[in-house]
Amino acid sequence: MTTMESVVAAHGAALLAYATRATGGDRHAAEDIVQETWLRAWRNADRLAGIESLRSWLIRIAHNVSVDQHRRRQARPTEVELPDHEIENTVHSVAPCEEVETRIDVVAVLEHLSAAHRETLVEVYFADRTAVAAASVLGVPVGTVKSRVHKALRTLRAGESLMAAA
């Protein structure tokens, strides 16, 4: 057995018991503490032979890790779940007639684009594909997808400003 394996075999159970008590019985948090303790012991493996009371040293490291984790949790804001009725009220629901109007507007705007640009925008925005995935579907290079999207959006913005000026 290597030195670290013998240290784990000799002190692992006691260290886990200590960490479990330190976390109020939370086994997962205790295992995290023990894992971090072993990591720190491994980083200092060259010093382990010179430590007079290795178990005390390991418990002290586990204590420090436990305190650090506790402080880290305390520094984070408390997470609060919203009651179901509040979640339902925060979801923006669109009336069906607004959806139809929006769809008509989008189709009309897309008609101002070339077929290649329109097809590319549909793949990227409406099919929610990455440039790589859209390129694969369209059978064109990724750079072509990116330039088509850029040019299509520029064309749409130009058309938008012309409509606003009219």
C-alpha atoms as a PDB file:
ATOM      1  CA  MET A   1       0.000   0.000   0.000  1.00  0.00           C
ATOM      2  CA  THR A   2       1.194   3.513  -0.752  1.00  0.00           C
ATOM      3  CA  THR A   3       1.476   6.071   1.996  1.00  0.00           C
ATOM      4  CA  MET A   4      -1.744   7.892   1.050  1.00  0.00           C
ATOM      5  CA  GLU A   5      -3.683   4.627   0.865  1.00  0.00           C
ATOM      6  CA  SER A   6      -2.509   3.672   4.337  1.00  0.00           C
ATOM      7  CA  VAL A   7      -3.486   7.112   5.693  1.00  0.00           C
ATOM      8  CA  VAL A   8      -6.966   6.785   4.184  1.00  0.00           C
ATOM      9  CA  ALA A   9      -7.345   3.244   5.537  1.00  0.00           C
ATOM     10  CA  ALA A  10      -6.222   4.275   9.018  1.00  0.00           C
ATOM     11  CA  HIS A  11      -8.156   7.537   9.377  1.00  0.00           C
ATOM     12  CA  GLY A  12     -10.975   7.493   6.792  1.00  0.00           C
ATOM     13  CA  ALA A  13     -13.765   6.234   9.029  1.00  0.00           C
ATOM     14  CA  ALA A  14     -12.915   8.612  11.898  1.00  0.00           C
ATOM     15  CA  LEU A  15     -12.672  11.553   9.499  1.00  0.00           C
ATOM     16  CA  LEU A  16     -16.055  10.780   7.933  1.00  0.00           C
ATOM     17  CA  ALA A  17     -17.629  10.405  11.386  1.00  0.00           C
ATOM     18  CA  TYR A  18     -16.234  13.788  12.426  1.00  0.00           C
ATOM     19  CA  ALA A  19     -17.404  15.479   9.221  1.00  0.00           C
ATOM     20  CA  THR A  20     -20.876  13.934   9.561  1.00  0.00           C
ATOM     21  CA  ARG A  21     -21.185  15.350  13.086  1.00  0.00           C
ATOM     22  CA  ALA A  22     -19.860  18.728  11.896  1.00  0.00           C
ATOM     23  CA  THR A  23     -22.560  18.928   9.215  1.00  0.00           C
ATOM     24  CA  GLY A  24     -25.400  17.939  11.514  1.00  0.00           C
ATOM     25  CA  GLY A  25     -25.767  14.527   9.894  1.00  0.00           C
ATOM     26  CA  ASP A  26     -25.686  15.669   6.260  1.00  0.00           C
ATOM     27  CA  ARG A  27     -23.859  12.732   4.684  1.00  0.00           C
ATOM     28  CA  HIS A  28     -23.333  14.413   1.295  1.00  0.00           C
ATOM     29  CA  ALA A  29     -21.830  17.554   2.819  1.00  0.00           C
ATOM     30  CA  ALA A  30     -19.664  15.359   5.073  1.00  0.00           C
ATOM     31  CA  GLU A  31     -18.362  13.439   2.068  1.00  0.00           C
ATOM     32  CA  ASP A  32     -17.519  16.731   0.356  1.00  0.00           C
ATOM     33  CA  ILE A  33     -15.560  17.809   3.432  1.00  0.00           C
ATOM     34  CA  VAL A  34     -13.698  14.496   3.593  1.00  0.00           C
ATOM     35  CA  GLN A  35     -12.896  14.645  -0.108  1.00  0.00           C
ATOM     36  CA  GLU A  36     -11.478  18.161   0.229  1.00  0.00           C
ATOM     37  CA  THR A  37      -9.499  17.038   3.298  1.00  0.00           C
ATOM     38  CA  TRP A  38      -7.972  14.143   1.361  1.00  0.00           C
ATOM     39  CA  LEU A  39      -7.131  16.480  -1.476  1.00  0.00           C
ATOM     40  CA  ARG A  40      -5.305  18.828   0.873  1.00  0.00           C
ATOM     41  CA  ALA A  41      -3.527  15.902   2.538  1.00  0.00           C
ATOM     42  CA  TRP A  42      -2.468  14.605  -0.859  1.00  0.00           C
ATOM     43  CA  ARG A  43      -1.098  18.044  -1.790  1.00  0.00           C
ATOM     44  CA  ASN A  44       0.989  17.892   1.398  1.00  0.00           C
ATOM     45  CA  ALA A  45       1.923  14.200   1.102  1.00  0.00           C
ATOM     46  CA  ASP A  46       5.610  15.006   1.497  1.00  0.00           C
ATOM     47  CA  ARG A  47       4.880  16.496   4.964  1.00  0.00           C
ATOM     48  CA  LEU A  48       2.629  13.692   6.255  1.00  0.00           C
ATOM     49  CA  ALA A  49       5.471  11.572   7.632  1.00  0.00           C
ATOM     50  CA  GLY A  50       6.674  14.492   9.777  1.00  0.00           C
ATOM     51  CA  ILE A  51       3.285  15.192  11.389  1.00  0.00           C
ATOM     52  CA  GLU A  52       3.232  13.828  14.921  1.00  0.00           C
ATOM     53  CA  SER A  53      -0.533  13.369  15.268  1.00  0.00           C
ATOM     54  CA  LEU A  54      -1.817  12.769  11.765  1.00  0.00           C
ATOM     55  CA  ARG A  55      -5.439  12.165  12.806  1.00  0.00           C
ATOM     56  CA  SER A  56      -5.541  15.473  14.703  1.00  0.00           C
ATOM     57  CA  TRP A  57      -4.071  17.240  11.695  1.00  0.00           C
ATOM     58  CA  LEU A  58      -6.666  15.672   9.357  1.00  0.00           C
ATOM     59  CA  ILE A  59      -9.521  16.556  11.727  1.00  0.00           C
ATOM     60  CA  ARG A  60      -8.236  20.128  11.911  1.00  0.00           C
ATOM     61  CA  ILE A  61      -8.189  20.316   8.111  1.00  0.00           C
ATOM     62  CA  ALA A  62     -11.740  18.879   7.988  1.00  0.00           C
ATOM     63  CA  HIS A  63     -12.831  21.449  10.573  1.00  0.00           C
ATOM     64  CA  ASN A  64     -11.365  24.283   8.503  1.00  0.00           C
ATOM     65  CA  VAL A  65     -13.043  22.992   5.342  1.00  0.00           C
ATOM     66  CA  SER A  66     -16.348  22.691   7.212  1.00  0.00           C
ATOM     67  CA  VAL A  67     -16.103  26.271   8.476  1.00  0.00           C
ATOM     68  CA  ASP A  68     -15.186  27.519   4.988  1.00  0.00           C
ATOM     69  CA  GLN A  69     -18.188  25.774   3.459  1.00  0.00           C
ATOM     70  CA  HIS A  70     -20.495  27.107   6.161  1.00  0.00           C
ATOM     71  CA  ARG A  71     -19.266  30.658   5.606  1.00  0.00           C
ATOM     72  CA  ARG A  72     -19.631  30.265   1.851  1.00  0.00           C
ATOM     73  CA  ARG A  73     -23.248  29.149   2.266  1.00  0.00           C
ATOM     74  CA  GLN A  74     -23.958  32.034   4.655  1.00  0.00           C
ATOM     75  CA  ALA A  75     -22.521  34.559   2.183  1.00  0.00           C
ATOM     76  CA  ARG A  76     -24.962  33.473  -0.525  1.00  0.00           C
ATOM     77  CA  PRO A  77     -28.414  35.012  -0.487  1.00  0.00           C
ATOM     78  CA  THR A  78     -31.156  32.722   0.725  1.00  0.00           C
ATOM     79  CA  GLU A  79     -32.953  30.957  -2.071  1.00  0.00           C
ATOM     80  CA  VAL A  80     -36.709  31.222  -1.822  1.00  0.00           C
ATOM     81  CA  GLU A  81     -39.159  29.306  -3.964  1.00  0.00           C
ATOM     82  CA  LEU A  82     -42.183  31.157  -5.251  1.00  0.00           C
ATOM     83  CA  PRO A  83     -45.582  29.706  -4.466  1.00  0.00           C
ATOM     84  CA  ASP A  84     -47.296  28.143  -7.500  1.00  0.00           C
ATOM     85  CA  HIS A  85     -49.885  30.909  -7.822  1.00  0.00           C
ATOM     86  CA  GLU A  86     -47.121  33.536  -8.076  1.00  0.00           C
ATOM     87  CA  ILE A  87     -45.279  31.541 -10.731  1.00  0.00           C
ATOM     88  CA  GLU A  88     -48.449  31.342 -12.803  1.00  0.00           C
ATOM     89  CA  ASN A  89     -48.905  35.110 -12.488  1.00  0.00           C
ATOM     90  CA  THR A  90     -45.345  35.839 -13.633  1.00  0.00           C
ATOM     91  CA  VAL A  91     -45.637  33.850 -16.844  1.00  0.00           C
ATOM     92  CA  HIS A  92     -46.545  36.207 -19.659  1.00  0.00           C
ATOM     93  CA  SER A  93     -49.344  34.674 -21.620  1.00  0.00           C
ATOM     94  CA  VAL A  94     -50.085  35.973 -25.087  1.00  0.00           C
ATOM     95  CA  ALA A  95     -53.599  36.045 -26.404  1.00  0.00           C
ATOM     96  CA  PRO A  96     -54.134  33.782 -29.425  1.00  0.00           C
ATOM     97  CA  CYS A  97     -55.098  36.745 -31.614  1.00  0.00           C
ATOM     98  CA  GLU A  98     -51.783  38.452 -30.758  1.00  0.00           C
ATOM     99  CA  GLU A  99     -49.908  35.300 -31.734  1.00  0.00           C
ATOM    100  CA  VAL A 100     -51.666  35.264 -35.112  1.00  0.00           C
ATOM    101  CA  GLU A 101     -50.906  38.958 -35.682  1.00  0.00           C
ATOM    102  CA  THR A 102     -47.266  38.443 -34.750  1.00  0.00           C
ATOM    103  CA  ARG A 103     -46.980  35.447 -37.068  1.00  0.00           C
ATOM    104  CA  ILE A 104     -48.462  37.470 -39.955  1.00  0.00           C
ATOM    105  CA  ASP A 105     -46.033  40.325 -39.274  1.00  0.00           C
ATOM    106  CA  VAL A 106     -43.043  37.969 -39.132  1.00  0.00           C
ATOM    107  CA  VAL A 107     -44.019  36.253 -42.396  1.00  0.00           C
ATOM    108  CA  ALA A 108     -44.441  39.649 -44.083  1.00  0.00           C
ATOM    109  CA  VAL A 109     -41.051  40.834 -42.864  1.00  0.00           C
ATOM    110  CA  LEU A 110     -39.326  37.608 -43.915  1.00  0.00           C
ATOM    111  CA  GLU A 111     -40.749  37.995 -47.444  1.00  0.00           C
ATOM    112  CA  HIS A 112     -38.393  40.964 -47.936  1.00  0.00           C
ATOM    113  CA  LEU A 113     -35.410  38.622 -47.674  1.00  0.00           C
ATOM    114  CA  SER A 114     -33.881  36.367 -50.288  1.00  0.00           C
ATOM    115  CA  ALA A 115     -34.774  32.695 -50.018  1.00  0.00           C
ATOM    116  CA  ALA A 116     -31.278  31.819 -48.742  1.00  0.00           C
ATOM    117  CA  HIS A 117     -31.362  34.489 -46.027  1.00  0.00           C
ATOM    118  CA  ARG A 118     -34.916  33.620 -45.007  1.00  0.00           C
ATOM    119  CA  GLU A 119     -34.083  29.900 -44.853  1.00  0.00           C
ATOM    120  CA  THR A 120     -31.015  30.611 -42.714  1.00  0.00           C
ATOM    121  CA  LEU A 121     -32.906  32.839 -40.263  1.00  0.00           C
ATOM    122  CA  VAL A 122     -35.617  30.210 -39.912  1.00  0.00           C
ATOM    123  CA  GLU A 123     -33.027  27.549 -39.058  1.00  0.00           C
ATOM    124  CA  VAL A 124     -31.117  29.733 -36.571  1.00  0.00           C
ATOM    125  CA  TYR A 125     -33.943  31.592 -34.830  1.00  0.00           C
ATOM    126  CA  PHE A 126     -37.110  29.556 -35.277  1.00  0.00           C
ATOM    127  CA  ALA A 127     -35.602  26.068 -35.224  1.00  0.00           C
ATOM    128  CA  ASP A 128     -33.214  27.322 -32.501  1.00  0.00           C
ATOM    129  CA  ARG A 129     -30.130  25.787 -34.085  1.00  0.00           C
ATOM    130  CA  THR A 130     -26.536  26.817 -33.588  1.00  0.00           C
ATOM    131  CA  ALA A 131     -24.617  28.076 -36.601  1.00  0.00           C
ATOM    132  CA  VAL A 132     -22.907  24.686 -36.845  1.00  0.00           C
ATOM    133  CA  ALA A 133     -26.202  22.774 -36.729  1.00  0.00           C
ATOM    134  CA  ALA A 134     -27.856  25.139 -39.220  1.00  0.00           C
ATOM    135  CA  ALA A 135     -24.880  24.776 -41.561  1.00  0.00           C
ATOM    136  CA  SER A 136     -25.279  21.012 -41.410  1.00  0.00           C
ATOM    137  CA  VAL A 137     -29.011  21.173 -42.161  1.00  0.00           C
ATOM    138  CA  LEU A 138     -28.569  23.709 -44.966  1.00  0.00           C
ATOM    139  CA  GLY A 139     -25.508  21.997 -46.411  1.00  0.00           C
ATOM    140  CA  VAL A 140     -23.359  25.136 -46.352  1.00  0.00           C
ATOM    141  CA  PRO A 141     -20.225  26.153 -44.425  1.00  0.00           C
ATOM    142  CA  VAL A 142     -20.613  27.668 -40.945  1.00  0.00           C
ATOM    143  CA  GLY A 143     -19.172  30.973 -42.149  1.00  0.00           C
ATOM    144  CA  THR A 144     -21.888  31.174 -44.776  1.00  0.00           C
ATOM    145  CA  VAL A 145     -24.566  30.743 -42.119  1.00  0.00           C
ATOM    146  CA  LYS A 146     -23.014  33.492 -39.997  1.00  0.00           C
ATOM    147  CA  SER A 147     -22.712  35.927 -42.899  1.00  0.00           C
ATOM    148  CA  ARG A 148     -26.261  35.179 -44.095  1.00  0.00           C
ATOM    149  CA  VAL A 149     -27.656  35.835 -40.621  1.00  0.00           C
ATOM    150  CA  HIS A 150     -25.677  39.071 -40.364  1.00  0.00           C
ATOM    151  CA  LYS A 151     -26.815  40.293 -43.797  1.00  0.00           C
ATOM    152  CA  ALA A 152     -30.429  39.243 -43.218  1.00  0.00           C
ATOM    153  CA  LEU A 153     -30.615  41.077 -39.898  1.00  0.00           C
ATOM    154  CA  ARG A 154     -28.995  44.143 -41.450  1.00  0.00           C
ATOM    155  CA  THR A 155     -31.569  44.042 -44.264  1.00  0.00           C
ATOM    156  CA  LEU A 156     -34.421  43.728 -41.765  1.00  0.00           C
ATOM    157  CA  ARG A 157     -33.094  46.640 -39.694  1.00  0.00           C
ATOM    158  CA  ALA A 158     -32.782  48.795 -42.805  1.00  0.00           C
ATOM    159  CA  GLY A 159     -36.360  47.930 -43.778  1.00  0.00           C
ATOM    160  CA  GLU A 160     -37.517  48.698 -40.242  1.00  0.00           C
ATOM    161  CA  SER A 161     -35.956  52.158 -40.314  1.00  0.00           C
ATOM    162  CA  LEU A 162     -37.507  52.838 -43.753  1.00  0.00           C
ATOM    163  CA  MET A 163     -40.951  51.829 -42.411  1.00  0.00           C
ATOM    164  CA  ALA A 164     -40.490  54.038 -39.351  1.00  0.00           C
ATOM    165  CA  ALA A 165     -39.551  57.009 -41.539  1.00  0.00           C
ATOM    166  CA  ALA A 166     -42.616  56.583 -43.757  1.00  0.00           C
END
